[in-house]
Amino acid sequence: MSEAFRRRLPPLLALRAFETFGRNGTVRGAADELAVSHTVVSRHIQNLEAAIGVKLVQKSGRGLSLTREGKRYSGQLSRALDLIASATSELWGGSSDALHICCMAGLASRRLLARLPEIERFLGGREIILQPISARPDFSQGEVDAEINYLEYPNFPPDLRGEIVYRPRILAVASQAFNEAHRHIRTASDLVKLPLLHERSTRQWENWLEHAGVVSVPPLKGPKLWHGHLAVEAARLGQGVALVSDLMAGELLTTGELVEICRANVRLGAYYFIAPARRWNDPAISALRDWLHGFVRQCMVEPAASPSR
């Protein structure tokens, strides 16, 4: 086989979109990971099928699923991209001493971004790579040094170790104007009558309402915005009620941009610091963990703002 024939590759953007769809299982999941619209992912998959002349996906309900050929091709692409990632990681590892931190997007932008210089000073001047994420990162390729994430049901494999940094109270929040327009709301049961803002599904609101004492939670409606920080922003704009941790809401409550519309002592999960078990006591990992605990002790006091009732 000639070298020229072996290098006749389909469009690389299309390959990446298809491989991401194969791993996530949904077009929207792939779009979320790649930070593009779902129509872009669908178009890339169509272009890839046209380029190679093989049907890779098929309609399944309201979405798409892989064909037999698509499953095989997706697995092969994942292994090929893993090799590229591994090779790149080796290059980075040999030329950079940066600490690669994966952090949920809202926490990264609202809490950590402004404090990067402080973190770097705490780590003795070590450079930080802060990567916002919406899904758990893959530690297996050696590209990620630490993860900061909110988890309700943590499950760490033997090669990872996790530690609770903070277990927040989950607040039901809305804008001042929305709160004024719905002053009749007194209990958690009353909230089901309002437009509720969801992330990927209604599950979190259902869980919160049950923990808040609502005996029979009815089917919930409201827009699904996929990201927690988007739901909070929609609440700030007066579009409904969102769930947010006191860690994320503190500053917005203090400035009055948000108010807690119905107080309840609900704690569903926790913020975790996660790192490879074999590196848990590395100086940089240990220092970052210490900084994070200190940061929480310093600023995560229960918000002083109270519901405007």
C-alpha atoms as a PDB file:
ATOM      1  CA  MET A   1       0.000   0.000   0.000  1.00  0.00           C
ATOM      2  CA  SER A   2       1.462   3.346  -1.029  1.00  0.00           C
ATOM      3  CA  GLU A   3       2.165   6.069   1.526  1.00  0.00           C
ATOM      4  CA  ALA A   4      -0.057   8.494  -0.408  1.00  0.00           C
ATOM      5  CA  PHE A   5      -3.032   6.096  -0.189  1.00  0.00           C
ATOM      6  CA  ARG A   6      -2.519   5.490   3.519  1.00  0.00           C
ATOM      7  CA  ARG A   7      -2.614   9.224   4.201  1.00  0.00           C
ATOM      8  CA  ARG A   8      -5.931   9.844   2.421  1.00  0.00           C
ATOM      9  CA  LEU A   9      -7.827  10.813   5.558  1.00  0.00           C
ATOM     10  CA  PRO A  10     -11.411  12.040   5.900  1.00  0.00           C
ATOM     11  CA  PRO A  11     -11.864  15.599   7.250  1.00  0.00           C
ATOM     12  CA  LEU A  12     -10.285  15.679  10.698  1.00  0.00           C
ATOM     13  CA  LEU A  13     -13.015  17.884  12.183  1.00  0.00           C
ATOM     14  CA  ALA A  14     -15.603  15.365  11.024  1.00  0.00           C
ATOM     15  CA  LEU A  15     -13.590  12.502  12.532  1.00  0.00           C
ATOM     16  CA  ARG A  16     -13.364  14.281  15.858  1.00  0.00           C
ATOM     17  CA  ALA A  17     -17.088  15.091  15.899  1.00  0.00           C
ATOM     18  CA  PHE A  18     -18.032  11.488  15.091  1.00  0.00           C
ATOM     19  CA  GLU A  19     -15.657  10.037  17.696  1.00  0.00           C
ATOM     20  CA  THR A  20     -17.037  12.414  20.328  1.00  0.00           C
ATOM     21  CA  PHE A  21     -20.601  11.402  19.401  1.00  0.00           C
ATOM     22  CA  GLY A  22     -19.594   7.741  19.696  1.00  0.00           C
ATOM     23  CA  ARG A  23     -18.275   8.267  23.226  1.00  0.00           C
ATOM     24  CA  ASN A  24     -21.141  10.452  24.448  1.00  0.00           C
ATOM     25  CA  GLY A  25     -23.954   8.576  22.749  1.00  0.00           C
ATOM     26  CA  THR A  26     -25.895  11.718  21.856  1.00  0.00           C
ATOM     27  CA  VAL A  27     -25.431  14.587  19.423  1.00  0.00           C
ATOM     28  CA  ARG A  28     -26.126  17.112  22.156  1.00  0.00           C
ATOM     29  CA  GLY A  29     -23.553  15.494  24.427  1.00  0.00           C
ATOM     30  CA  ALA A  30     -20.949  15.688  21.685  1.00  0.00           C
ATOM     31  CA  ALA A  31     -21.882  19.304  20.932  1.00  0.00           C
ATOM     32  CA  ASP A  32     -21.552  20.156  24.619  1.00  0.00           C
ATOM     33  CA  GLU A  33     -18.071  18.636  24.831  1.00  0.00           C
ATOM     34  CA  LEU A  34     -16.892  20.308  21.616  1.00  0.00           C
ATOM     35  CA  ALA A  35     -18.538  23.657  22.458  1.00  0.00           C
ATOM     36  CA  VAL A  36     -20.430  23.803  19.155  1.00  0.00           C
ATOM     37  CA  SER A  37     -24.106  23.547  18.232  1.00  0.00           C
ATOM     38  CA  HIS A  38     -25.742  20.145  17.731  1.00  0.00           C
ATOM     39  CA  THR A  39     -26.396  21.031  14.090  1.00  0.00           C
ATOM     40  CA  VAL A  40     -22.645  21.394  13.512  1.00  0.00           C
ATOM     41  CA  VAL A  41     -22.031  17.909  14.966  1.00  0.00           C
ATOM     42  CA  SER A  42     -24.794  16.427  12.785  1.00  0.00           C
ATOM     43  CA  ARG A  43     -23.369  18.091   9.689  1.00  0.00           C
ATOM     44  CA  HIS A  44     -19.863  16.784  10.437  1.00  0.00           C
ATOM     45  CA  ILE A  45     -21.226  13.238  10.783  1.00  0.00           C
ATOM     46  CA  GLN A  46     -23.093  13.559   7.495  1.00  0.00           C
ATOM     47  CA  ASN A  47     -19.937  14.863   5.787  1.00  0.00           C
ATOM     48  CA  LEU A  48     -17.924  11.952   7.175  1.00  0.00           C
ATOM     49  CA  GLU A  49     -20.448   9.412   5.884  1.00  0.00           C
ATOM     50  CA  ALA A  50     -20.334  11.080   2.469  1.00  0.00           C
ATOM     51  CA  ALA A  51     -16.519  11.094   2.461  1.00  0.00           C
ATOM     52  CA  ILE A  52     -16.110   7.391   3.262  1.00  0.00           C
ATOM     53  CA  GLY A  53     -19.314   6.085   1.667  1.00  0.00           C
ATOM     54  CA  VAL A  54     -20.440   4.091   4.713  1.00  0.00           C
ATOM     55  CA  LYS A  55     -23.514   4.557   6.903  1.00  0.00           C
ATOM     56  CA  LEU A  56     -22.209   5.201  10.428  1.00  0.00           C
ATOM     57  CA  VAL A  57     -25.365   6.304  12.277  1.00  0.00           C
ATOM     58  CA  GLN A  58     -29.051   5.525  12.115  1.00  0.00           C
ATOM     59  CA  LYS A  59     -32.180   7.116  13.534  1.00  0.00           C
ATOM     60  CA  SER A  60     -33.144   5.772  16.940  1.00  0.00           C
ATOM     61  CA  GLY A  61     -36.233   7.282  18.523  1.00  0.00           C
ATOM     62  CA  ARG A  62     -35.700  11.024  18.600  1.00  0.00           C
ATOM     63  CA  GLY A  63     -31.930  10.746  18.270  1.00  0.00           C
ATOM     64  CA  LEU A  64     -29.183   8.818  16.527  1.00  0.00           C
ATOM     65  CA  SER A  65     -27.361   5.588  17.301  1.00  0.00           C
ATOM     66  CA  LEU A  66     -24.304   3.930  15.813  1.00  0.00           C
ATOM     67  CA  THR A  67     -24.622   1.270  13.140  1.00  0.00           C
ATOM     68  CA  ARG A  68     -22.506  -1.878  13.432  1.00  0.00           C
ATOM     69  CA  GLU A  69     -19.874  -0.290  11.171  1.00  0.00           C
ATOM     70  CA  GLY A  70     -20.153   2.945  13.158  1.00  0.00           C
ATOM     71  CA  LYS A  71     -19.471   1.181  16.464  1.00  0.00           C
ATOM     72  CA  ARG A  72     -16.343  -0.476  15.076  1.00  0.00           C
ATOM     73  CA  TYR A  73     -15.113   2.741  13.438  1.00  0.00           C
ATOM     74  CA  SER A  74     -15.826   4.813  16.559  1.00  0.00           C
ATOM     75  CA  GLY A  75     -13.772   2.463  18.723  1.00  0.00           C
ATOM     76  CA  GLN A  76     -10.872   2.536  16.281  1.00  0.00           C
ATOM     77  CA  LEU A  77     -10.976   6.337  16.123  1.00  0.00           C
ATOM     78  CA  SER A  78     -10.970   6.584  19.918  1.00  0.00           C
ATOM     79  CA  ARG A  79      -7.842   4.458  20.114  1.00  0.00           C
ATOM     80  CA  ALA A  80      -6.176   6.515  17.375  1.00  0.00           C
ATOM     81  CA  LEU A  81      -7.004   9.812  19.084  1.00  0.00           C
ATOM     82  CA  ASP A  82      -5.805   8.398  22.407  1.00  0.00           C
ATOM     83  CA  LEU A  83      -2.435   7.728  20.760  1.00  0.00           C
ATOM     84  CA  ILE A  84      -2.285  11.314  19.514  1.00  0.00           C
ATOM     85  CA  ALA A  85      -3.260  12.613  22.958  1.00  0.00           C
ATOM     86  CA  SER A  86      -0.634  10.419  24.614  1.00  0.00           C
ATOM     87  CA  ALA A  87       2.085  11.591  22.236  1.00  0.00           C
ATOM     88  CA  THR A  88       1.100  15.208  22.819  1.00  0.00           C
ATOM     89  CA  SER A  89       1.039  14.674  26.565  1.00  0.00           C
ATOM     90  CA  GLU A  90       4.590  13.335  26.447  1.00  0.00           C
ATOM     91  CA  LEU A  91       5.703  16.462  24.612  1.00  0.00           C
ATOM     92  CA  TRP A  92       3.934  18.709  27.082  1.00  0.00           C
ATOM     93  CA  GLY A  93       5.298  16.747  29.997  1.00  0.00           C
ATOM     94  CA  GLY A  94       8.809  17.212  28.716  1.00  0.00           C
ATOM     95  CA  SER A  95       8.529  20.948  28.114  1.00  0.00           C
ATOM     96  CA  SER A  96       6.111  22.286  30.723  1.00  0.00           C
ATOM     97  CA  ASP A  97       5.724  22.109  34.462  1.00  0.00           C
ATOM     98  CA  ALA A  98       2.157  23.428  34.373  1.00  0.00           C
ATOM     99  CA  LEU A  99      -0.465  21.942  36.678  1.00  0.00           C
ATOM    100  CA  HIS A 100      -3.517  20.910  34.635  1.00  0.00           C
ATOM    101  CA  ILE A 101      -6.733  21.383  36.627  1.00  0.00           C
ATOM    102  CA  CYS A 102     -10.149  20.361  35.296  1.00  0.00           C
ATOM    103  CA  CYS A 103     -12.989  22.196  36.976  1.00  0.00           C
ATOM    104  CA  MET A 104     -16.740  22.438  36.405  1.00  0.00           C
ATOM    105  CA  ALA A 105     -17.376  25.418  34.152  1.00  0.00           C
ATOM    106  CA  GLY A 106     -19.403  27.607  36.506  1.00  0.00           C
ATOM    107  CA  LEU A 107     -17.009  27.186  39.416  1.00  0.00           C
ATOM    108  CA  ALA A 108     -14.030  27.837  37.147  1.00  0.00           C
ATOM    109  CA  SER A 109     -15.417  31.091  35.752  1.00  0.00           C
ATOM    110  CA  ARG A 110     -17.172  32.478  38.833  1.00  0.00           C
ATOM    111  CA  ARG A 111     -14.802  31.460  41.606  1.00  0.00           C
ATOM    112  CA  LEU A 112     -11.372  30.304  40.423  1.00  0.00           C
ATOM    113  CA  LEU A 113     -10.590  32.470  37.399  1.00  0.00           C
ATOM    114  CA  ALA A 114     -10.092  35.669  39.398  1.00  0.00           C
ATOM    115  CA  ARG A 115      -7.917  33.788  41.884  1.00  0.00           C
ATOM    116  CA  LEU A 116      -5.470  32.182  39.445  1.00  0.00           C
ATOM    117  CA  PRO A 117      -2.607  34.550  40.378  1.00  0.00           C
ATOM    118  CA  GLU A 118      -3.219  33.715  44.042  1.00  0.00           C
ATOM    119  CA  ILE A 119      -3.161  29.969  43.314  1.00  0.00           C
ATOM    120  CA  GLU A 120       0.034  30.259  41.275  1.00  0.00           C
ATOM    121  CA  ARG A 121       1.726  32.197  44.102  1.00  0.00           C
ATOM    122  CA  PHE A 122       0.580  29.538  46.578  1.00  0.00           C
ATOM    123  CA  LEU A 123       2.148  26.885  44.333  1.00  0.00           C
ATOM    124  CA  GLY A 124       5.455  28.713  44.228  1.00  0.00           C
ATOM    125  CA  GLY A 125       4.943  30.303  40.824  1.00  0.00           C
ATOM    126  CA  ARG A 126       3.932  27.124  39.053  1.00  0.00           C
ATOM    127  CA  GLU A 127       1.858  27.745  35.937  1.00  0.00           C
ATOM    128  CA  ILE A 128      -1.800  26.679  35.971  1.00  0.00           C
ATOM    129  CA  ILE A 129      -3.864  25.223  33.131  1.00  0.00           C
ATOM    130  CA  LEU A 130      -7.521  25.681  34.116  1.00  0.00           C
ATOM    131  CA  GLN A 131      -9.874  23.662  31.883  1.00  0.00           C
ATOM    132  CA  PRO A 132     -13.643  24.138  32.275  1.00  0.00           C
ATOM    133  CA  ILE A 133     -15.501  20.828  31.967  1.00  0.00           C
ATOM    134  CA  SER A 134     -19.088  19.599  31.857  1.00  0.00           C
ATOM    135  CA  ALA A 135     -18.214  15.887  32.223  1.00  0.00           C
ATOM    136  CA  ARG A 136     -15.698  13.897  34.231  1.00  0.00           C
ATOM    137  CA  PRO A 137     -12.197  14.088  32.705  1.00  0.00           C
ATOM    138  CA  ASP A 138     -10.125  11.086  31.639  1.00  0.00           C
ATOM    139  CA  PHE A 139      -7.112  10.713  33.929  1.00  0.00           C
ATOM    140  CA  SER A 140      -5.851   7.624  32.115  1.00  0.00           C
ATOM    141  CA  GLN A 141      -3.826   9.537  29.525  1.00  0.00           C
ATOM    142  CA  GLY A 142      -1.824  11.449  32.129  1.00  0.00           C
ATOM    143  CA  GLU A 143      -3.014  14.826  30.828  1.00  0.00           C
ATOM    144  CA  VAL A 144      -5.001  15.852  33.920  1.00  0.00           C
ATOM    145  CA  ASP A 145      -3.367  16.493  37.282  1.00  0.00           C
ATOM    146  CA  ALA A 146      -6.420  17.327  39.388  1.00  0.00           C
ATOM    147  CA  GLU A 147     -10.185  17.725  39.159  1.00  0.00           C
ATOM    148  CA  ILE A 148     -12.554  19.942  41.150  1.00  0.00           C
ATOM    149  CA  ASN A 149     -16.157  18.888  40.700  1.00  0.00           C
ATOM    150  CA  TYR A 150     -19.569  18.760  42.324  1.00  0.00           C
ATOM    151  CA  LEU A 151     -20.779  15.175  42.655  1.00  0.00           C
ATOM    152  CA  GLU A 152     -23.890  13.704  44.209  1.00  0.00           C
ATOM    153  CA  TYR A 153     -22.946  10.047  43.789  1.00  0.00           C
ATOM    154  CA  PRO A 154     -19.139   9.814  43.621  1.00  0.00           C
ATOM    155  CA  ASN A 155     -17.563   6.600  42.448  1.00  0.00           C
ATOM    156  CA  PHE A 156     -13.780   6.651  42.213  1.00  0.00           C
ATOM    157  CA  PRO A 157     -11.795   3.817  40.611  1.00  0.00           C
ATOM    158  CA  PRO A 158      -8.824   2.428  42.556  1.00  0.00           C
ATOM    159  CA  ASP A 159      -6.339   4.636  40.693  1.00  0.00           C
ATOM    160  CA  LEU A 160      -8.131   7.852  41.737  1.00  0.00           C
ATOM    161  CA  ARG A 161      -8.634   9.401  45.128  1.00  0.00           C
ATOM    162  CA  GLY A 162     -11.275  11.965  46.079  1.00  0.00           C
ATOM    163  CA  GLU A 163     -11.756  14.165  49.113  1.00  0.00           C
ATOM    164  CA  ILE A 164     -14.736  16.313  50.096  1.00  0.00           C
ATOM    165  CA  VAL A 165     -13.833  19.990  50.065  1.00  0.00           C
ATOM    166  CA  TYR A 166     -17.251  21.396  50.880  1.00  0.00           C
ATOM    167  CA  ARG A 167     -20.807  20.122  51.186  1.00  0.00           C
ATOM    168  CA  PRO A 168     -22.971  23.083  50.161  1.00  0.00           C
ATOM    169  CA  ARG A 169     -26.540  23.965  50.835  1.00  0.00           C
ATOM    170  CA  ILE A 170     -28.543  23.986  47.582  1.00  0.00           C
ATOM    171  CA  LEU A 171     -30.647  27.121  47.220  1.00  0.00           C
ATOM    172  CA  ALA A 172     -33.739  27.889  45.146  1.00  0.00           C
ATOM    173  CA  VAL A 173     -32.989  31.340  43.741  1.00  0.00           C
ATOM    174  CA  ALA A 174     -34.605  33.940  41.507  1.00  0.00           C
ATOM    175  CA  SER A 175     -34.207  37.601  40.628  1.00  0.00           C
ATOM    176  CA  GLN A 176     -35.499  40.365  42.898  1.00  0.00           C
ATOM    177  CA  ALA A 177     -38.166  41.278  40.350  1.00  0.00           C
ATOM    178  CA  PHE A 178     -39.331  37.668  39.983  1.00  0.00           C
ATOM    179  CA  ASN A 179     -39.439  37.320  43.749  1.00  0.00           C
ATOM    180  CA  GLU A 180     -41.566  40.455  44.103  1.00  0.00           C
ATOM    181  CA  ALA A 181     -43.992  39.171  41.479  1.00  0.00           C
ATOM    182  CA  HIS A 182     -44.444  35.863  43.345  1.00  0.00           C
ATOM    183  CA  ARG A 183     -44.637  36.923  46.975  1.00  0.00           C
ATOM    184  CA  HIS A 184     -47.329  34.310  47.612  1.00  0.00           C
ATOM    185  CA  ILE A 185     -44.675  31.567  47.506  1.00  0.00           C
ATOM    186  CA  ARG A 186     -44.112  30.332  51.056  1.00  0.00           C
ATOM    187  CA  THR A 187     -43.161  26.658  50.946  1.00  0.00           C
ATOM    188  CA  ALA A 188     -41.274  24.263  48.718  1.00  0.00           C
ATOM    189  CA  SER A 189     -44.619  22.825  47.568  1.00  0.00           C
ATOM    190  CA  ASP A 190     -45.521  26.230  46.130  1.00  0.00           C
ATOM    191  CA  LEU A 191     -42.448  26.192  43.873  1.00  0.00           C
ATOM    192  CA  VAL A 192     -43.908  23.582  41.531  1.00  0.00           C
ATOM    193  CA  LYS A 193     -46.361  26.253  40.349  1.00  0.00           C
ATOM    194  CA  LEU A 194     -43.496  28.447  39.094  1.00  0.00           C
ATOM    195  CA  PRO A 195     -41.298  28.190  35.983  1.00  0.00           C
ATOM    196  CA  LEU A 196     -38.367  26.063  37.112  1.00  0.00           C
ATOM    197  CA  LEU A 197     -35.010  26.216  35.345  1.00  0.00           C
ATOM    198  CA  HIS A 198     -33.342  22.832  34.795  1.00  0.00           C
ATOM    199  CA  GLU A 199     -29.932  21.628  33.720  1.00  0.00           C
ATOM    200  CA  ARG A 200     -30.018  18.437  31.616  1.00  0.00           C
ATOM    201  CA  SER A 201     -33.140  16.985  33.162  1.00  0.00           C
ATOM    202  CA  THR A 202     -35.725  17.555  35.884  1.00  0.00           C
ATOM    203  CA  ARG A 203     -33.972  15.063  38.181  1.00  0.00           C
ATOM    204  CA  GLN A 204     -32.164  17.620  40.345  1.00  0.00           C
ATOM    205  CA  TRP A 205     -35.297  19.637  41.001  1.00  0.00           C
ATOM    206  CA  GLU A 206     -37.242  16.457  41.797  1.00  0.00           C
ATOM    207  CA  ASN A 207     -34.530  15.398  44.239  1.00  0.00           C
ATOM    208  CA  TRP A 208     -34.406  18.843  45.841  1.00  0.00           C
ATOM    209  CA  LEU A 209     -38.184  19.049  46.280  1.00  0.00           C
ATOM    210  CA  GLU A 210     -38.281  15.617  47.899  1.00  0.00           C
ATOM    211  CA  HIS A 211     -35.507  16.584  50.328  1.00  0.00           C
ATOM    212  CA  ALA A 212     -37.367  19.837  51.044  1.00  0.00           C
ATOM    213  CA  GLY A 213     -40.377  17.836  52.190  1.00  0.00           C
ATOM    214  CA  VAL A 214     -42.637  17.772  49.143  1.00  0.00           C
ATOM    215  CA  VAL A 215     -44.448  14.448  49.491  1.00  0.00           C
ATOM    216  CA  SER A 216     -45.692  13.991  45.935  1.00  0.00           C
ATOM    217  CA  VAL A 217     -43.671  15.784  43.249  1.00  0.00           C
ATOM    218  CA  PRO A 218     -45.751  16.321  40.086  1.00  0.00           C
ATOM    219  CA  PRO A 219     -44.264  16.184  36.575  1.00  0.00           C
ATOM    220  CA  LEU A 220     -42.075  19.270  36.266  1.00  0.00           C
ATOM    221  CA  LYS A 221     -41.839  21.608  33.328  1.00  0.00           C
ATOM    222  CA  GLY A 222     -39.442  24.354  32.360  1.00  0.00           C
ATOM    223  CA  PRO A 223     -36.505  24.918  30.007  1.00  0.00           C
ATOM    224  CA  LYS A 224     -33.488  22.615  30.112  1.00  0.00           C
ATOM    225  CA  LEU A 225     -30.295  24.646  29.830  1.00  0.00           C
ATOM    226  CA  TRP A 226     -27.715  21.848  30.287  1.00  0.00           C
ATOM    227  CA  HIS A 227     -25.286  23.923  32.345  1.00  0.00           C
ATOM    228  CA  GLY A 228     -25.829  25.044  35.914  1.00  0.00           C
ATOM    229  CA  HIS A 229     -24.275  28.450  35.317  1.00  0.00           C
ATOM    230  CA  LEU A 230     -26.715  29.049  32.431  1.00  0.00           C
ATOM    231  CA  ALA A 231     -29.664  28.200  34.678  1.00  0.00           C
ATOM    232  CA  VAL A 232     -28.353  30.664  37.272  1.00  0.00           C
ATOM    233  CA  GLU A 233     -27.946  33.349  34.622  1.00  0.00           C
ATOM    234  CA  ALA A 234     -31.503  32.713  33.399  1.00  0.00           C
ATOM    235  CA  ALA A 235     -32.718  33.124  36.988  1.00  0.00           C
ATOM    236  CA  ARG A 236     -30.770  36.370  37.301  1.00  0.00           C
ATOM    237  CA  LEU A 237     -32.546  37.591  34.152  1.00  0.00           C
ATOM    238  CA  GLY A 238     -35.926  36.879  35.734  1.00  0.00           C
ATOM    239  CA  GLN A 239     -36.861  33.792  33.728  1.00  0.00           C
ATOM    240  CA  GLY A 240     -37.634  31.473  36.645  1.00  0.00           C
ATOM    241  CA  VAL A 241     -36.213  29.692  39.669  1.00  0.00           C
ATOM    242  CA  ALA A 242     -32.865  27.891  39.551  1.00  0.00           C
ATOM    243  CA  LEU A 243     -31.013  25.607  41.927  1.00  0.00           C
ATOM    244  CA  VAL A 244     -27.512  26.679  42.875  1.00  0.00           C
ATOM    245  CA  SER A 245     -25.072  25.909  45.661  1.00  0.00           C
ATOM    246  CA  ASP A 246     -24.307  28.558  48.259  1.00  0.00           C
ATOM    247  CA  LEU A 247     -20.700  28.379  47.048  1.00  0.00           C
ATOM    248  CA  MET A 248     -21.781  29.698  43.659  1.00  0.00           C
ATOM    249  CA  ALA A 249     -24.584  31.986  44.833  1.00  0.00           C
ATOM    250  CA  GLY A 250     -22.862  33.835  47.661  1.00  0.00           C
ATOM    251  CA  GLU A 251     -21.710  36.917  45.745  1.00  0.00           C
ATOM    252  CA  LEU A 252     -24.948  37.165  43.732  1.00  0.00           C
ATOM    253  CA  LEU A 253     -26.994  37.044  46.934  1.00  0.00           C
ATOM    254  CA  THR A 254     -24.809  39.697  48.542  1.00  0.00           C
ATOM    255  CA  THR A 255     -25.226  42.083  45.600  1.00  0.00           C
ATOM    256  CA  GLY A 256     -28.971  41.432  45.424  1.00  0.00           C
ATOM    257  CA  GLU A 257     -28.857  40.062  41.884  1.00  0.00           C
ATOM    258  CA  LEU A 258     -30.442  36.882  43.245  1.00  0.00           C
ATOM    259  CA  VAL A 259     -32.579  36.130  46.282  1.00  0.00           C
ATOM    260  CA  GLU A 260     -33.396  32.834  47.928  1.00  0.00           C
ATOM    261  CA  ILE A 261     -37.067  32.483  47.101  1.00  0.00           C
ATOM    262  CA  CYS A 262     -37.832  29.642  49.507  1.00  0.00           C
ATOM    263  CA  ARG A 263     -35.383  28.686  52.235  1.00  0.00           C
ATOM    264  CA  ALA A 264     -34.699  24.991  52.788  1.00  0.00           C
ATOM    265  CA  ASN A 265     -31.778  23.154  54.338  1.00  0.00           C
ATOM    266  CA  VAL A 266     -31.118  20.801  51.405  1.00  0.00           C
ATOM    267  CA  ARG A 267     -27.672  19.329  50.792  1.00  0.00           C
ATOM    268  CA  LEU A 268     -27.535  16.887  47.890  1.00  0.00           C
ATOM    269  CA  GLY A 269     -23.853  16.378  47.113  1.00  0.00           C
ATOM    270  CA  ALA A 270     -20.418  17.856  47.678  1.00  0.00           C
ATOM    271  CA  TYR A 271     -17.519  19.541  45.967  1.00  0.00           C
ATOM    272  CA  TYR A 272     -14.655  17.070  45.618  1.00  0.00           C
ATOM    273  CA  PHE A 273     -10.963  17.423  45.000  1.00  0.00           C
ATOM    274  CA  ILE A 274      -9.857  14.462  42.869  1.00  0.00           C
ATOM    275  CA  ALA A 275      -6.387  13.382  41.795  1.00  0.00           C
ATOM    276  CA  PRO A 276      -4.489  10.202  40.860  1.00  0.00           C
ATOM    277  CA  ALA A 277      -3.952   8.123  44.000  1.00  0.00           C
ATOM    278  CA  ARG A 278      -0.257   7.638  43.228  1.00  0.00           C
ATOM    279  CA  ARG A 279       0.240  11.418  43.120  1.00  0.00           C
ATOM    280  CA  TRP A 280      -1.985  12.341  46.049  1.00  0.00           C
ATOM    281  CA  ASN A 281       0.941  13.496  48.202  1.00  0.00           C
ATOM    282  CA  ASP A 282       2.956  15.144  45.422  1.00  0.00           C
ATOM    283  CA  PRO A 283       3.938  18.641  46.616  1.00  0.00           C
ATOM    284  CA  ALA A 284       1.941  20.492  43.946  1.00  0.00           C
ATOM    285  CA  ILE A 285      -1.183  18.336  44.372  1.00  0.00           C
ATOM    286  CA  SER A 286      -0.997  18.612  48.141  1.00  0.00           C
ATOM    287  CA  ALA A 287      -0.472  22.389  47.974  1.00  0.00           C
ATOM    288  CA  LEU A 288      -3.431  22.857  45.629  1.00  0.00           C
ATOM    289  CA  ARG A 289      -5.612  20.779  47.946  1.00  0.00           C
ATOM    290  CA  ASP A 290      -4.518  22.880  50.932  1.00  0.00           C
ATOM    291  CA  TRP A 291      -5.272  26.103  49.043  1.00  0.00           C
ATOM    292  CA  LEU A 292      -8.746  24.869  48.135  1.00  0.00           C
ATOM    293  CA  HIS A 293      -9.590  23.955  51.728  1.00  0.00           C
ATOM    294  CA  GLY A 294      -8.297  27.331  52.900  1.00  0.00           C
ATOM    295  CA  PHE A 295     -10.315  29.134  50.249  1.00  0.00           C
ATOM    296  CA  VAL A 296     -13.501  27.398  51.365  1.00  0.00           C
ATOM    297  CA  ARG A 297     -12.841  28.196  55.027  1.00  0.00           C
ATOM    298  CA  GLN A 298     -12.213  31.815  54.122  1.00  0.00           C
ATOM    299  CA  CYS A 299     -15.201  32.632  51.942  1.00  0.00           C
ATOM    300  CA  MET A 300     -17.830  29.908  52.169  1.00  0.00           C
ATOM    301  CA  VAL A 301     -19.706  31.135  55.199  1.00  0.00           C
ATOM    302  CA  GLU A 302     -23.471  30.575  55.003  1.00  0.00           C
ATOM    303  CA  PRO A 303     -24.798  33.537  52.955  1.00  0.00           C
ATOM    304  CA  ALA A 304     -26.015  36.365  55.118  1.00  0.00           C
ATOM    305  CA  ALA A 305     -28.715  37.314  52.615  1.00  0.00           C
ATOM    306  CA  SER A 306     -32.150  36.024  53.515  1.00  0.00           C
ATOM    307  CA  PRO A 307     -35.335  35.608  51.497  1.00  0.00           C
ATOM    308  CA  SER A 308     -37.158  38.849  50.785  1.00  0.00           C
ATOM    309  CA  ARG A 309     -40.426  37.870  52.417  1.00  0.00           C
END
